Amino acid sequence: MAAPDLFSAMAKKPPAPRRTPVKEAHHVLQDALLKAGEKEAGKHAVIAKSLGVSASMLYKWREPAEKGSGQPNPLHRTALLIDLTGDTRIVDWLAQRAGGQFTPVEGEAPGGNLDKAANALVREFGLLIADVADAMEDHRITADETQELREKWDRIRKRTEAFVRRCEKGDFRPKD
């Protein structure tokens, strides 16, 4: 009996996991409140008081909108504010407060050869690393250099997000 070909078995990867659906706002609030309550007894009362709402309102926000208080929860209200203004700086501000940064997806990534798209991303990352090294050559980075690095990094993040979304959709086209 012949030994299995280890390399051909390794080359076969399972399909990429699909993006999980976005949680409903009331589930996000419920998870956050449950996590906060695990840390400290009476935390929900403190949160409600800090927000200027009753503890019962806080609990109603944890229910689906059709079962809740009739008042949209803060996440629904924030989403509506973004929809009405069309301004994603609100999301970016929230992301920064949480220690991150918002990366919008600008339309669908163009189709085509995934290998070429991956190589282009690697090349862009390499160029960014070279720019960082150049900026550090004099052992300091100026405000202009910082701004330029931020702009390049933001472009790469957006392209990488689009690339990963293509992968999640199973968009693997044969080589051209």
Protein backbone atom coordinates (compact mmCIF):
# COMPACT_ATOMS: atom_id res chain seq x y z
CA MET A 1 0.00 0.00 0.00
CA ALA A 2 1.49 3.33 -1.05
CA ALA A 3 1.93 6.16 1.41
CA PRO A 4 -0.43 9.10 0.86
CA ASP A 5 1.07 12.07 -0.93
CA LEU A 6 1.51 14.49 1.99
CA PHE A 7 2.11 17.55 -0.18
CA SER A 8 -1.02 17.15 -2.27
CA ALA A 9 -3.05 16.65 0.91
CA MET A 10 -1.57 19.85 2.38
CA ALA A 11 -2.30 21.88 -0.74
CA LYS A 12 -6.05 21.39 -0.39
CA LYS A 13 -7.40 24.05 1.94
CA PRO A 14 -10.91 24.10 3.32
CA PRO A 15 -13.14 26.82 1.90
CA ALA A 16 -12.80 30.22 3.51
CA PRO A 17 -15.27 30.90 6.31
CA ARG A 18 -18.02 33.27 5.31
CA ARG A 19 -18.50 36.60 7.00
CA THR A 20 -20.85 36.23 9.91
CA PRO A 21 -23.97 38.35 9.73
CA VAL A 22 -24.03 41.57 11.70
CA LYS A 23 -25.68 41.09 15.08
CA GLU A 24 -28.92 42.83 15.85
CA ALA A 25 -28.41 46.00 17.90
CA HIS A 26 -30.30 44.63 20.91
CA HIS A 27 -28.03 41.56 20.96
CA VAL A 28 -24.92 43.76 20.91
CA LEU A 29 -26.27 45.80 23.83
CA GLN A 30 -27.29 42.67 25.71
CA ASP A 31 -23.81 41.16 25.29
CA ALA A 32 -22.13 44.39 26.40
CA LEU A 33 -24.34 44.76 29.45
CA LEU A 34 -23.90 41.12 30.44
CA LYS A 35 -20.14 41.49 30.14
CA ALA A 36 -20.20 44.70 32.21
CA GLY A 37 -22.36 43.04 34.86
CA GLU A 38 -19.93 40.13 35.21
CA LYS A 39 -17.20 42.50 36.37
CA GLU A 40 -19.07 44.36 39.07
CA ALA A 41 -22.31 43.83 40.97
CA GLY A 42 -24.73 46.73 40.51
CA LYS A 43 -22.96 47.87 37.34
CA HIS A 44 -26.22 48.05 35.36
CA ALA A 45 -27.67 50.58 37.81
CA VAL A 46 -24.51 52.67 37.52
CA ILE A 47 -24.67 52.52 33.71
CA ALA A 48 -28.36 53.48 33.66
CA LYS A 49 -27.76 56.40 36.02
CA SER A 50 -24.78 57.61 33.97
CA LEU A 51 -26.89 57.52 30.81
CA GLY A 52 -29.78 59.33 32.49
CA VAL A 53 -32.23 56.48 31.91
CA SER A 54 -34.00 54.04 34.18
CA ALA A 55 -32.68 50.53 34.70
CA SER A 56 -35.87 49.24 33.07
CA MET A 57 -35.10 51.28 29.93
CA LEU A 58 -31.62 49.76 29.87
CA TYR A 59 -33.19 46.30 29.96
CA LYS A 60 -35.74 47.22 27.27
CA TRP A 61 -32.87 48.18 24.95
CA ARG A 62 -31.79 44.53 25.23
CA GLU A 63 -35.05 43.42 23.59
CA PRO A 64 -35.95 43.47 19.89
CA ALA A 65 -37.41 46.83 18.84
CA GLU A 66 -40.91 45.41 18.39
CA LYS A 67 -40.91 44.11 21.99
CA GLY A 68 -39.00 46.99 23.56
CA SER A 69 -39.95 50.37 24.92
CA GLY A 70 -40.95 51.94 21.64
CA GLN A 71 -37.84 54.10 21.93
CA PRO A 72 -34.96 53.19 19.61
CA ASN A 73 -31.88 52.03 21.49
CA PRO A 74 -28.69 54.10 21.21
CA LEU A 75 -27.25 51.89 18.47
CA HIS A 76 -30.37 52.27 16.32
CA ARG A 77 -30.34 56.01 16.89
CA THR A 78 -26.65 56.26 15.96
CA ALA A 79 -27.23 54.19 12.80
CA LEU A 80 -30.14 56.47 11.87
CA LEU A 81 -27.98 59.55 12.47
CA ILE A 82 -25.33 58.14 10.12
CA ASP A 83 -27.97 57.30 7.51
CA LEU A 84 -29.54 60.77 7.73
CA THR A 85 -26.26 62.69 7.58
CA GLY A 86 -24.37 60.31 5.30
CA ASP A 87 -21.30 61.09 7.42
CA THR A 88 -19.17 58.13 8.49
CA ARG A 89 -16.97 60.35 10.68
CA ILE A 90 -19.44 59.46 13.43
CA VAL A 91 -18.42 55.80 13.13
CA ASP A 92 -14.74 56.74 12.90
CA TRP A 93 -15.06 58.79 16.10
CA LEU A 94 -16.70 55.86 17.89
CA ALA A 95 -14.02 53.49 16.58
CA GLN A 96 -11.26 55.83 17.79
CA ARG A 97 -12.89 56.04 21.22
CA ALA A 98 -12.80 52.23 21.30
CA GLY A 99 -9.12 52.22 20.33
CA GLY A 100 -9.52 51.49 16.63
CA GLN A 101 -10.30 53.10 13.34
CA PHE A 102 -13.20 52.70 10.92
CA THR A 103 -12.35 51.21 7.54
CA PRO A 104 -15.15 51.72 5.03
CA VAL A 105 -15.49 49.37 2.10
CA GLU A 106 -15.72 51.41 -1.05
CA GLY A 107 -17.88 49.39 -3.40
CA GLU A 108 -17.11 45.92 -4.58
CA ALA A 109 -13.56 44.90 -5.28
CA PRO A 110 -12.98 44.44 -8.98
CA GLY A 111 -13.05 40.84 -10.13
CA GLY A 112 -10.16 39.22 -11.86
CA ASN A 113 -7.28 37.05 -10.90
CA LEU A 114 -7.01 36.67 -7.14
CA ASP A 115 -3.30 35.82 -7.42
CA LYS A 116 -2.61 39.16 -9.11
CA ALA A 117 -4.66 41.01 -6.48
CA ALA A 118 -2.73 39.27 -3.68
CA ASN A 119 0.60 40.11 -5.31
CA ALA A 120 -0.44 43.75 -5.71
CA LEU A 121 -1.30 43.94 -1.99
CA VAL A 122 2.04 42.42 -0.99
CA ARG A 123 3.81 44.91 -3.26
CA GLU A 124 1.88 47.82 -1.69
CA PHE A 125 2.75 46.63 1.82
CA GLY A 126 6.40 46.40 0.77
CA LEU A 127 6.33 49.95 -0.56
CA LEU A 128 4.77 51.19 2.67
CA ILE A 129 7.47 49.47 4.71
CA ALA A 130 10.09 51.11 2.50
CA ASP A 131 8.42 54.50 3.07
CA VAL A 132 8.53 53.93 6.84
CA ALA A 133 12.22 53.06 6.62
CA ASP A 134 12.89 56.19 4.52
CA ALA A 135 10.98 58.37 6.98
CA MET A 136 13.02 56.93 9.87
CA GLU A 137 16.34 57.51 8.12
CA ASP A 138 16.89 60.78 10.02
CA HIS A 139 15.55 59.21 13.28
CA ARG A 140 12.37 61.28 13.34
CA ILE A 141 9.13 61.42 11.40
CA THR A 142 7.69 64.81 10.50
CA ALA A 143 4.00 65.72 10.52
CA ASP A 144 3.98 65.66 6.69
CA GLU A 145 5.58 62.21 6.63
CA THR A 146 3.08 61.01 9.21
CA GLN A 147 0.16 62.28 7.12
CA GLU A 148 1.56 60.61 3.99
CA LEU A 149 2.02 57.31 5.84
CA ARG A 150 -1.55 57.53 7.21
CA GLU A 151 -2.98 58.10 3.73
CA LYS A 152 -1.05 55.17 2.25
CA TRP A 153 -1.99 52.92 5.17
CA ASP A 154 -5.68 53.82 4.83
CA ARG A 155 -5.61 52.98 1.09
CA ILE A 156 -3.98 49.61 1.80
CA ARG A 157 -6.48 48.81 4.56
CA LYS A 158 -9.41 49.50 2.24
CA ARG A 159 -7.94 47.38 -0.55
CA THR A 160 -7.11 44.59 1.87
CA GLU A 161 -10.65 44.62 3.26
CA ALA A 162 -12.05 44.39 -0.27
CA PHE A 163 -9.66 41.53 -1.04
CA VAL A 164 -10.66 39.59 2.09
CA ARG A 165 -14.35 40.11 1.32
CA ARG A 166 -13.78 38.60 -2.13
CA CYS A 167 -12.15 35.62 -0.46
CA GLU A 168 -15.06 35.27 1.97
CA LYS A 169 -17.47 35.19 -0.96
CA GLY A 170 -15.47 32.38 -2.50
CA ASP A 171 -14.37 34.55 -5.42
CA PHE A 172 -11.45 32.39 -6.54
CA ARG A 173 -10.99 32.69 -10.26
CA PRO A 174 -8.59 30.55 -12.21
CA LYS A 175 -5.32 32.11 -13.26
CA ASP A 176 -5.64 34.18 -16.45
